[in-house]
Amino acid sequence: VTVVARGDLIILDQIEKQLNKLEDVVDIKKLEPGR
């Protein structure tokens, strides 16, 4: 699943933490520009 979201750093970090809590989530990567 590729999700694009916008927000300040606090919101974006909160999104990542909440996604990690979901039972079906195996791994999360932040796709950084250039990498």
PDB file of all heavy atoms in Angstrom:
ATOM      1  N   VAL A   1       0.872  -1.164   0.000  1.00  0.00           N
ATOM      2  CA  VAL A   1       0.000   0.000   0.000  1.00  0.00           C
ATOM      3  C   VAL A   1       0.915   1.223   0.000  1.00  0.00           C
ATOM      4  O   VAL A   1       1.793   1.334   0.855  1.00  0.00           O
ATOM      5  CB  VAL A   1      -0.905   0.027   1.256  1.00  0.00           C
ATOM      6  CG1 VAL A   1      -1.782   1.263   1.268  1.00  0.00           C
ATOM      7  CG2 VAL A   1      -1.737  -1.242   1.358  1.00  0.00           C
ATOM      8  N   THR A   2       0.731   2.102  -0.961  1.00  0.00           N
ATOM      9  CA  THR A   2       1.494   3.350  -0.992  1.00  0.00           C
ATOM     10  C   THR A   2       0.533   4.479  -0.669  1.00  0.00           C
ATOM     11  O   THR A   2      -0.467   4.660  -1.370  1.00  0.00           O
ATOM     12  CB  THR A   2       2.155   3.573  -2.366  1.00  0.00           C
ATOM     13  OG1 THR A   2       2.915   2.416  -2.717  1.00  0.00           O
ATOM     14  CG2 THR A   2       3.064   4.785  -2.337  1.00  0.00           C
ATOM     15  N   VAL A   3       0.831   5.190   0.411  1.00  0.00           N
ATOM     16  CA  VAL A   3      -0.016   6.292   0.866  1.00  0.00           C
ATOM     17  C   VAL A   3       0.806   7.578   0.848  1.00  0.00           C
ATOM     18  O   VAL A   3       1.919   7.600   1.380  1.00  0.00           O
ATOM     19  CB  VAL A   3      -0.549   6.053   2.296  1.00  0.00           C
ATOM     20  CG1 VAL A   3      -1.375   7.241   2.771  1.00  0.00           C
ATOM     21  CG2 VAL A   3      -1.353   4.776   2.379  1.00  0.00           C
ATOM     22  N   VAL A   4       0.237   8.618   0.260  1.00  0.00           N
ATOM     23  CA  VAL A   4       0.851   9.941   0.302  1.00  0.00           C
ATOM     24  C   VAL A   4      -0.016  10.805   1.206  1.00  0.00           C
ATOM     25  O   VAL A   4      -1.234  10.870   1.020  1.00  0.00           O
ATOM     26  CB  VAL A   4       0.955  10.572  -1.103  1.00  0.00           C
ATOM     27  CG1 VAL A   4       1.595  11.954  -1.023  1.00  0.00           C
ATOM     28  CG2 VAL A   4       1.732   9.665  -2.044  1.00  0.00           C
ATOM     29  N   ALA A   5       0.635  11.407   2.208  1.00  0.00           N
ATOM     30  CA  ALA A   5      -0.080  12.266   3.153  1.00  0.00           C
ATOM     31  C   ALA A   5       0.712  13.555   3.350  1.00  0.00           C
ATOM     32  O   ALA A   5       1.924  13.584   3.136  1.00  0.00           O
ATOM     33  CB  ALA A   5      -0.272  11.543   4.479  1.00  0.00           C
ATOM     34  N   ARG A   6       0.012  14.601   3.767  1.00  0.00           N
ATOM     35  CA  ARG A   6       0.643  15.894   4.047  1.00  0.00           C
ATOM     36  C   ARG A   6       0.334  16.303   5.485  1.00  0.00           C
ATOM     37  O   ARG A   6      -0.717  15.986   6.016  1.00  0.00           O
ATOM     38  CB  ARG A   6       0.103  16.977   3.116  1.00  0.00           C
ATOM     39  CG  ARG A   6       0.513  16.820   1.695  1.00  0.00           C
ATOM     40  CD  ARG A   6       0.014  17.991   0.840  1.00  0.00           C
ATOM     41  NE  ARG A   6       0.184  17.706  -0.564  1.00  0.00           N
ATOM     42  CZ  ARG A   6       1.306  17.906  -1.230  1.00  0.00           C
ATOM     43  NH1 ARG A   6       2.331  18.416  -0.613  1.00  0.00           N
ATOM     44  NH2 ARG A   6       1.396  17.606  -2.500  1.00  0.00           N
ATOM     45  N   GLY A   7       1.272  17.028   6.060  1.00  0.00           N
ATOM     46  CA  GLY A   7       1.082  17.556   7.400  1.00  0.00           C
ATOM     47  C   GLY A   7       2.397  18.054   7.948  1.00  0.00           C
ATOM     48  O   GLY A   7       3.433  17.967   7.286  1.00  0.00           O
ATOM     49  N   ASP A   8       2.361  18.533   9.173  1.00  0.00           N
ATOM     50  CA  ASP A   8       3.624  18.914   9.802  1.00  0.00           C
ATOM     51  C   ASP A   8       4.301  17.640  10.307  1.00  0.00           C
ATOM     52  O   ASP A   8       3.728  16.540  10.253  1.00  0.00           O
ATOM     53  CB  ASP A   8       3.407  19.950  10.904  1.00  0.00           C
ATOM     54  CG  ASP A   8       2.483  19.466  12.017  1.00  0.00           C
ATOM     55  OD1 ASP A   8       2.463  18.251  12.293  1.00  0.00           O
ATOM     56  OD2 ASP A   8       1.790  20.302  12.616  1.00  0.00           O
ATOM     57  N   LEU A   9       5.526  17.762  10.800  1.00  0.00           N
ATOM     58  CA  LEU A   9       6.284  16.576  11.219  1.00  0.00           C
ATOM     59  C   LEU A   9       5.572  15.791  12.310  1.00  0.00           C
ATOM     60  O   LEU A   9       5.614  14.559  12.324  1.00  0.00           O
ATOM     61  CB  LEU A   9       7.691  16.981  11.673  1.00  0.00           C
ATOM     62  CG  LEU A   9       8.642  17.399  10.560  1.00  0.00           C
ATOM     63  CD1 LEU A   9       9.973  17.853  11.132  1.00  0.00           C
ATOM     64  CD2 LEU A   9       8.849  16.270   9.573  1.00  0.00           C
ATOM     65  N   ILE A  10       4.911  16.479  13.212  1.00  0.00           N
ATOM     66  CA  ILE A  10       4.203  15.797  14.307  1.00  0.00           C
ATOM     67  C   ILE A  10       3.079  14.931  13.739  1.00  0.00           C
ATOM     68  O   ILE A  10       2.924  13.765  14.119  1.00  0.00           O
ATOM     69  CB  ILE A  10       3.658  16.821  15.324  1.00  0.00           C
ATOM     70  CG1 ILE A  10       4.838  17.506  16.031  1.00  0.00           C
ATOM     71  CG2 ILE A  10       2.727  16.156  16.328  1.00  0.00           C
ATOM     72  CD1 ILE A  10       4.459  18.707  16.871  1.00  0.00           C
ATOM     73  N   ILE A  11       2.299  15.479  12.826  1.00  0.00           N
ATOM     74  CA  ILE A  11       1.190  14.731  12.208  1.00  0.00           C
ATOM     75  C   ILE A  11       1.732  13.542  11.430  1.00  0.00           C
ATOM     76  O   ILE A  11       1.219  12.418  11.545  1.00  0.00           O
ATOM     77  CB  ILE A  11       0.364  15.643  11.270  1.00  0.00           C
ATOM     78  CG1 ILE A  11      -0.329  16.752  12.046  1.00  0.00           C
ATOM     79  CG2 ILE A  11      -0.627  14.843  10.442  1.00  0.00           C
ATOM     80  CD1 ILE A  11      -1.444  16.294  12.957  1.00  0.00           C
ATOM     81  N   LEU A  12       2.776  13.753  10.611  1.00  0.00           N
ATOM     82  CA  LEU A  12       3.323  12.663   9.792  1.00  0.00           C
ATOM     83  C   LEU A  12       3.909  11.553  10.661  1.00  0.00           C
ATOM     84  O   LEU A  12       3.742  10.372  10.359  1.00  0.00           O
ATOM     85  CB  LEU A  12       4.355  13.214   8.813  1.00  0.00           C
ATOM     86  CG  LEU A  12       3.783  14.174   7.761  1.00  0.00           C
ATOM     87  CD1 LEU A  12       4.902  14.828   6.964  1.00  0.00           C
ATOM     88  CD2 LEU A  12       2.807  13.461   6.846  1.00  0.00           C
ATOM     89  N   ASP A  13       4.573  11.917  11.750  1.00  0.00           N
ATOM     90  CA  ASP A  13       5.092  10.901  12.677  1.00  0.00           C
ATOM     91  C   ASP A  13       3.942  10.153  13.353  1.00  0.00           C
ATOM     92  O   ASP A  13       4.019   8.945  13.568  1.00  0.00           O
ATOM     93  CB  ASP A  13       6.009  11.535  13.723  1.00  0.00           C
ATOM     94  CG  ASP A  13       7.344  11.975  13.139  1.00  0.00           C
ATOM     95  OD1 ASP A  13       7.711  11.498  12.038  1.00  0.00           O
ATOM     96  OD2 ASP A  13       8.028  12.795  13.789  1.00  0.00           O
ATOM     97  N   GLN A  14       2.877  10.875  13.671  1.00  0.00           N
ATOM     98  CA  GLN A  14       1.701  10.245  14.287  1.00  0.00           C
ATOM     99  C   GLN A  14       1.054   9.258  13.320  1.00  0.00           C
ATOM    100  O   GLN A  14       0.643   8.165  13.714  1.00  0.00           O
ATOM    101  CB  GLN A  14       0.684  11.320  14.710  1.00  0.00           C
ATOM    102  CG  GLN A  14      -0.457  10.785  15.515  1.00  0.00           C
ATOM    103  CD  GLN A  14      -0.024  10.238  16.866  1.00  0.00           C
ATOM    104  OE1 GLN A  14       0.914  10.702  17.457  1.00  0.00           O
ATOM    105  NE2 GLN A  14      -0.717   9.224  17.337  1.00  0.00           N
ATOM    106  N   ILE A  15       0.976   9.619  12.040  1.00  0.00           N
ATOM    107  CA  ILE A  15       0.422   8.704  11.032  1.00  0.00           C
ATOM    108  C   ILE A  15       1.231   7.415  11.015  1.00  0.00           C
ATOM    109  O   ILE A  15       0.669   6.313  11.036  1.00  0.00           O
ATOM    110  CB  ILE A  15       0.400   9.369   9.637  1.00  0.00           C
ATOM    111  CG1 ILE A  15      -0.669  10.460   9.590  1.00  0.00           C
ATOM    112  CG2 ILE A  15       0.172   8.331   8.535  1.00  0.00           C
ATOM    113  CD1 ILE A  15      -0.626  11.321   8.334  1.00  0.00           C
ATOM    114  N   GLU A  16       2.550   7.542  10.978  1.00  0.00           N
ATOM    115  CA  GLU A  16       3.411   6.349  10.952  1.00  0.00           C
ATOM    116  C   GLU A  16       3.205   5.485  12.194  1.00  0.00           C
ATOM    117  O   GLU A  16       3.091   4.257  12.093  1.00  0.00           O
ATOM    118  CB  GLU A  16       4.876   6.767  10.820  1.00  0.00           C
ATOM    119  CG  GLU A  16       5.805   5.587  10.652  1.00  0.00           C
ATOM    120  CD  GLU A  16       7.238   5.996  10.371  1.00  0.00           C
ATOM    121  OE1 GLU A  16       7.544   7.202  10.323  1.00  0.00           O
ATOM    122  OE2 GLU A  16       8.060   5.077  10.201  1.00  0.00           O
ATOM    123  N   LYS A  17       3.118   6.099  13.355  1.00  0.00           N
ATOM    124  CA  LYS A  17       2.909   5.340  14.604  1.00  0.00           C
ATOM    125  C   LYS A  17       1.564   4.627  14.595  1.00  0.00           C
ATOM    126  O   LYS A  17       1.469   3.460  15.014  1.00  0.00           O
ATOM    127  CB  LYS A  17       3.009   6.272  15.811  1.00  0.00           C
ATOM    128  CG  LYS A  17       4.417   6.741  16.093  1.00  0.00           C
ATOM    129  CD  LYS A  17       4.435   7.756  17.219  1.00  0.00           C
ATOM    130  CE  LYS A  17       5.826   8.336  17.367  1.00  0.00           C
ATOM    131  NZ  LYS A  17       5.848   9.446  18.324  1.00  0.00           N
ATOM    132  N   GLN A  18       0.531   5.311  14.130  1.00  0.00           N
ATOM    133  CA  GLN A  18      -0.802   4.699  14.088  1.00  0.00           C
ATOM    134  C   GLN A  18      -0.855   3.554  13.081  1.00  0.00           C
ATOM    135  O   GLN A  18      -1.486   2.525  13.339  1.00  0.00           O
ATOM    136  CB  GLN A  18      -1.862   5.755  13.762  1.00  0.00           C
ATOM    137  CG  GLN A  18      -2.047   6.800  14.834  1.00  0.00           C
ATOM    138  CD  GLN A  18      -2.523   6.199  16.144  1.00  0.00           C
ATOM    139  OE1 GLN A  18      -3.377   5.329  16.177  1.00  0.00           O
ATOM    140  NE2 GLN A  18      -1.954   6.670  17.238  1.00  0.00           N
ATOM    141  N   LEU A  19      -0.182   3.710  11.940  1.00  0.00           N
ATOM    142  CA  LEU A  19      -0.129   2.625  10.956  1.00  0.00           C
ATOM    143  C   LEU A  19       0.587   1.401  11.536  1.00  0.00           C
ATOM    144  O   LEU A  19       0.167   0.266  11.321  1.00  0.00           O
ATOM    145  CB  LEU A  19       0.575   3.090   9.672  1.00  0.00           C
ATOM    146  CG  LEU A  19      -0.213   4.028   8.775  1.00  0.00           C
ATOM    147  CD1 LEU A  19       0.695   4.627   7.701  1.00  0.00           C
ATOM    148  CD2 LEU A  19      -1.393   3.313   8.136  1.00  0.00           C
ATOM    149  N   ASN A  20       1.669   1.641  12.266  1.00  0.00           N
ATOM    150  CA  ASN A  20       2.424   0.541  12.880  1.00  0.00           C
ATOM    151  C   ASN A  20       1.594  -0.254  13.879  1.00  0.00           C
ATOM    152  O   ASN A  20       1.875  -1.425  14.127  1.00  0.00           O
ATOM    153  CB  ASN A  20       3.686   1.068  13.566  1.00  0.00           C
ATOM    154  CG  ASN A  20       4.897   0.957  12.683  1.00  0.00           C
ATOM    155  OD1 ASN A  20       5.098  -0.048  12.014  1.00  0.00           O
ATOM    156  ND2 ASN A  20       5.700   2.005  12.655  1.00  0.00           N
ATOM    157  N   LYS A  21       0.569   0.365  14.457  1.00  0.00           N
ATOM    158  CA  LYS A  21      -0.287  -0.318  15.430  1.00  0.00           C
ATOM    159  C   LYS A  21      -1.284  -1.274  14.775  1.00  0.00           C
ATOM    160  O   LYS A  21      -1.839  -2.140  15.440  1.00  0.00           O
ATOM    161  CB  LYS A  21      -1.061   0.704  16.264  1.00  0.00           C
ATOM    162  CG  LYS A  21      -0.203   1.451  17.247  1.00  0.00           C
ATOM    163  CD  LYS A  21      -1.066   2.411  18.049  1.00  0.00           C
ATOM    164  CE  LYS A  21      -0.258   3.198  19.037  1.00  0.00           C
ATOM    165  NZ  LYS A  21      -1.122   4.092  19.839  1.00  0.00           N
ATOM    166  N   LEU A  22      -1.515  -1.098  13.471  1.00  0.00           N
ATOM    167  CA  LEU A  22      -2.499  -1.939  12.800  1.00  0.00           C
ATOM    168  C   LEU A  22      -1.979  -3.369  12.681  1.00  0.00           C
ATOM    169  O   LEU A  22      -0.830  -3.601  12.300  1.00  0.00           O
ATOM    170  CB  LEU A  22      -2.838  -1.374  11.413  1.00  0.00           C
ATOM    171  CG  LEU A  22      -3.536  -0.018  11.401  1.00  0.00           C
ATOM    172  CD1 LEU A  22      -3.721   0.473   9.971  1.00  0.00           C
ATOM    173  CD2 LEU A  22      -4.873  -0.082  12.114  1.00  0.00           C
ATOM    174  N   GLU A  23      -2.832  -4.311  12.990  1.00  0.00           N
ATOM    175  CA  GLU A  23      -2.492  -5.729  13.034  1.00  0.00           C
ATOM    176  C   GLU A  23      -1.935  -6.275  11.723  1.00  0.00           C
ATOM    177  O   GLU A  23      -1.018  -7.088  11.712  1.00  0.00           O
ATOM    178  CB  GLU A  23      -3.764  -6.490  13.427  1.00  0.00           C
ATOM    179  CG  GLU A  23      -3.648  -7.963  13.495  1.00  0.00           C
ATOM    180  CD  GLU A  23      -4.964  -8.573  13.916  1.00  0.00           C
ATOM    181  OE1 GLU A  23      -5.609  -8.054  14.846  1.00  0.00           O
ATOM    182  OE2 GLU A  23      -5.355  -9.575  13.293  1.00  0.00           O
ATOM    183  N   ASP A  24      -2.468  -5.830  10.611  1.00  0.00           N
ATOM    184  CA  ASP A  24      -2.083  -6.375   9.302  1.00  0.00           C
ATOM    185  C   ASP A  24      -0.801  -5.774   8.732  1.00  0.00           C
ATOM    186  O   ASP A  24      -0.302  -6.246   7.725  1.00  0.00           O
ATOM    187  CB  ASP A  24      -3.211  -6.143   8.299  1.00  0.00           C
ATOM    188  CG  ASP A  24      -4.514  -6.774   8.737  1.00  0.00           C
ATOM    189  OD1 ASP A  24      -4.512  -7.988   8.977  1.00  0.00           O
ATOM    190  OD2 ASP A  24      -5.521  -6.055   8.847  1.00  0.00           O
ATOM    191  N   VAL A  25      -0.288  -4.715   9.358  1.00  0.00           N
ATOM    192  CA  VAL A  25       0.901  -4.040   8.840  1.00  0.00           C
ATOM    193  C   VAL A  25       2.145  -4.840   9.210  1.00  0.00           C
ATOM    194  O   VAL A  25       2.409  -5.107  10.372  1.00  0.00           O
ATOM    195  CB  VAL A  25       0.992  -2.595   9.362  1.00  0.00           C
ATOM    196  CG1 VAL A  25       2.327  -1.962   8.987  1.00  0.00           C
ATOM    197  CG2 VAL A  25      -0.164  -1.763   8.805  1.00  0.00           C
ATOM    198  N   VAL A  26       2.904  -5.233   8.186  1.00  0.00           N
ATOM    199  CA  VAL A  26       4.124  -6.023   8.365  1.00  0.00           C
ATOM    200  C   VAL A  26       5.351  -5.108   8.429  1.00  0.00           C
ATOM    201  O   VAL A  26       6.259  -5.326   9.224  1.00  0.00           O
ATOM    202  CB  VAL A  26       4.266  -7.040   7.198  1.00  0.00           C
ATOM    203  CG1 VAL A  26       5.560  -7.814   7.294  1.00  0.00           C
ATOM    204  CG2 VAL A  26       3.068  -7.974   7.166  1.00  0.00           C
ATOM    205  N   ASP A  27       5.371  -4.069   7.584  1.00  0.00           N
ATOM    206  CA  ASP A  27       6.531  -3.181   7.513  1.00  0.00           C
ATOM    207  C   ASP A  27       6.097  -1.842   6.921  1.00  0.00           C
ATOM    208  O   ASP A  27       5.196  -1.795   6.085  1.00  0.00           O
ATOM    209  CB  ASP A  27       7.617  -3.816   6.627  1.00  0.00           C
ATOM    210  CG  ASP A  27       8.909  -3.025   6.600  1.00  0.00           C
ATOM    211  OD1 ASP A  27       9.360  -2.580   7.672  1.00  0.00           O
ATOM    212  OD2 ASP A  27       9.473  -2.848   5.500  1.00  0.00           O
ATOM    213  N   ILE A  28       6.748  -0.769   7.373  1.00  0.00           N
ATOM    214  CA  ILE A  28       6.502   0.559   6.821  1.00  0.00           C
ATOM    215  C   ILE A  28       7.846   1.171   6.476  1.00  0.00           C
ATOM    216  O   ILE A  28       8.785   1.126   7.266  1.00  0.00           O
ATOM    217  CB  ILE A  28       5.782   1.485   7.822  1.00  0.00           C
ATOM    218  CG1 ILE A  28       4.410   0.947   8.189  1.00  0.00           C
ATOM    219  CG2 ILE A  28       5.659   2.898   7.251  1.00  0.00           C
ATOM    220  CD1 ILE A  28       3.686   1.781   9.227  1.00  0.00           C
ATOM    221  N   LYS A  29       7.912   1.761   5.273  1.00  0.00           N
ATOM    222  CA  LYS A  29       9.090   2.524   4.851  1.00  0.00           C
ATOM    223  C   LYS A  29       8.628   3.918   4.467  1.00  0.00           C
ATOM    224  O   LYS A  29       7.558   4.075   3.877  1.00  0.00           O
ATOM    225  CB  LYS A  29       9.756   1.893   3.626  1.00  0.00           C
ATOM    226  CG  LYS A  29      10.353   0.548   3.849  1.00  0.00           C
ATOM    227  CD  LYS A  29      10.954   0.041   2.541  1.00  0.00           C
ATOM    228  CE  LYS A  29      11.274  -1.428   2.660  1.00  0.00           C
ATOM    229  NZ  LYS A  29      11.734  -1.983   1.399  1.00  0.00           N
ATOM    230  N   LYS A  30       9.438   4.901   4.793  1.00  0.00           N
ATOM    231  CA  LYS A  30       9.221   6.251   4.276  1.00  0.00           C
ATOM    232  C   LYS A  30      10.047   6.337   3.002  1.00  0.00           C
ATOM    233  O   LYS A  30      11.254   6.103   3.027  1.00  0.00           O
ATOM    234  CB  LYS A  30       9.675   7.304   5.277  1.00  0.00           C
ATOM    235  CG  LYS A  30       8.824   7.344   6.526  1.00  0.00           C
ATOM    236  CD  LYS A  30       9.282   8.410   7.476  1.00  0.00           C
ATOM    237  CE  LYS A  30      10.415   7.829   8.298  1.00  0.00           C
ATOM    238  NZ  LYS A  30      10.823   8.674   9.409  1.00  0.00           N
ATOM    239  N   LEU A  31       9.402   6.629   1.886  1.00  0.00           N
ATOM    240  CA  LEU A  31      10.108   6.747   0.616  1.00  0.00           C
ATOM    241  C   LEU A  31      10.612   8.179   0.477  1.00  0.00           C
ATOM    242  O   LEU A  31       9.845   9.095   0.187  1.00  0.00           O
ATOM    243  CB  LEU A  31       9.204   6.354  -0.551  1.00  0.00           C
ATOM    244  CG  LEU A  31       8.704   4.910  -0.539  1.00  0.00           C
ATOM    245  CD1 LEU A  31       7.849   4.635  -1.771  1.00  0.00           C
ATOM    246  CD2 LEU A  31       9.865   3.925  -0.452  1.00  0.00           C
ATOM    247  N   GLU A  32      11.892   8.351   0.735  1.00  0.00           N
ATOM    248  CA  GLU A  32      12.525   9.671   0.713  1.00  0.00           C
ATOM    249  C   GLU A  32      12.932  10.039  -0.709  1.00  0.00           C
ATOM    250  O   GLU A  32      13.441   9.193  -1.444  1.00  0.00           O
ATOM    251  CB  GLU A  32      13.767   9.670   1.612  1.00  0.00           C
ATOM    252  CG  GLU A  32      13.513   9.248   3.054  1.00  0.00           C
ATOM    253  CD  GLU A  32      12.768  10.285   3.871  1.00  0.00           C
ATOM    254  OE1 GLU A  32      12.660  11.445   3.414  1.00  0.00           O
ATOM    255  OE2 GLU A  32      12.285   9.931   4.954  1.00  0.00           O
ATOM    256  N   PRO A  33      12.762  11.297  -1.093  1.00  0.00           N
ATOM    257  CA  PRO A  33      13.227  11.741  -2.416  1.00  0.00           C
ATOM    258  C   PRO A  33      14.733  11.475  -2.551  1.00  0.00           C
ATOM    259  O   PRO A  33      15.496  11.675  -1.618  1.00  0.00           O
ATOM    260  CB  PRO A  33      12.935  13.246  -2.410  1.00  0.00           C
ATOM    261  CG  PRO A  33      11.901  13.439  -1.356  1.00  0.00           C
ATOM    262  CD  PRO A  33      12.141  12.372  -0.328  1.00  0.00           C
ATOM    263  N   GLY A  34      15.134  10.996  -3.712  1.00  0.00           N
ATOM    264  CA  GLY A  34      16.546  10.691  -3.957  1.00  0.00           C
ATOM    265  C   GLY A  34      16.954   9.298  -3.508  1.00  0.00           C
ATOM    266  O   GLY A  34      17.918   8.741  -4.012  1.00  0.00           O
ATOM    267  N   ARG A  35      16.219   8.729  -2.568  1.00  0.00           N
ATOM    268  CA  ARG A  35      16.516   7.379  -2.078  1.00  0.00           C
ATOM    269  C   ARG A  35      15.441   6.396  -2.497  1.00  0.00           C
ATOM    270  O   ARG A  35      15.415   5.263  -2.033  1.00  0.00           O
ATOM    271  CB  ARG A  35      16.660   7.396  -0.553  1.00  0.00           C
ATOM    272  CG  ARG A  35      17.811   8.303  -0.099  1.00  0.00           C
ATOM    273  CD  ARG A  35      18.063   8.174   1.339  1.00  0.00           C
ATOM    274  NE  ARG A  35      18.474   6.792   1.597  1.00  0.00           N
ATOM    275  CZ  ARG A  35      18.917   6.372   2.757  1.00  0.00           C
ATOM    276  NH1 ARG A  35      19.018   7.194   3.755  1.00  0.00           N
ATOM    277  NH2 ARG A  35      19.263   5.111   2.927  1.00  0.00           N
TER     278      ARG A  35
END
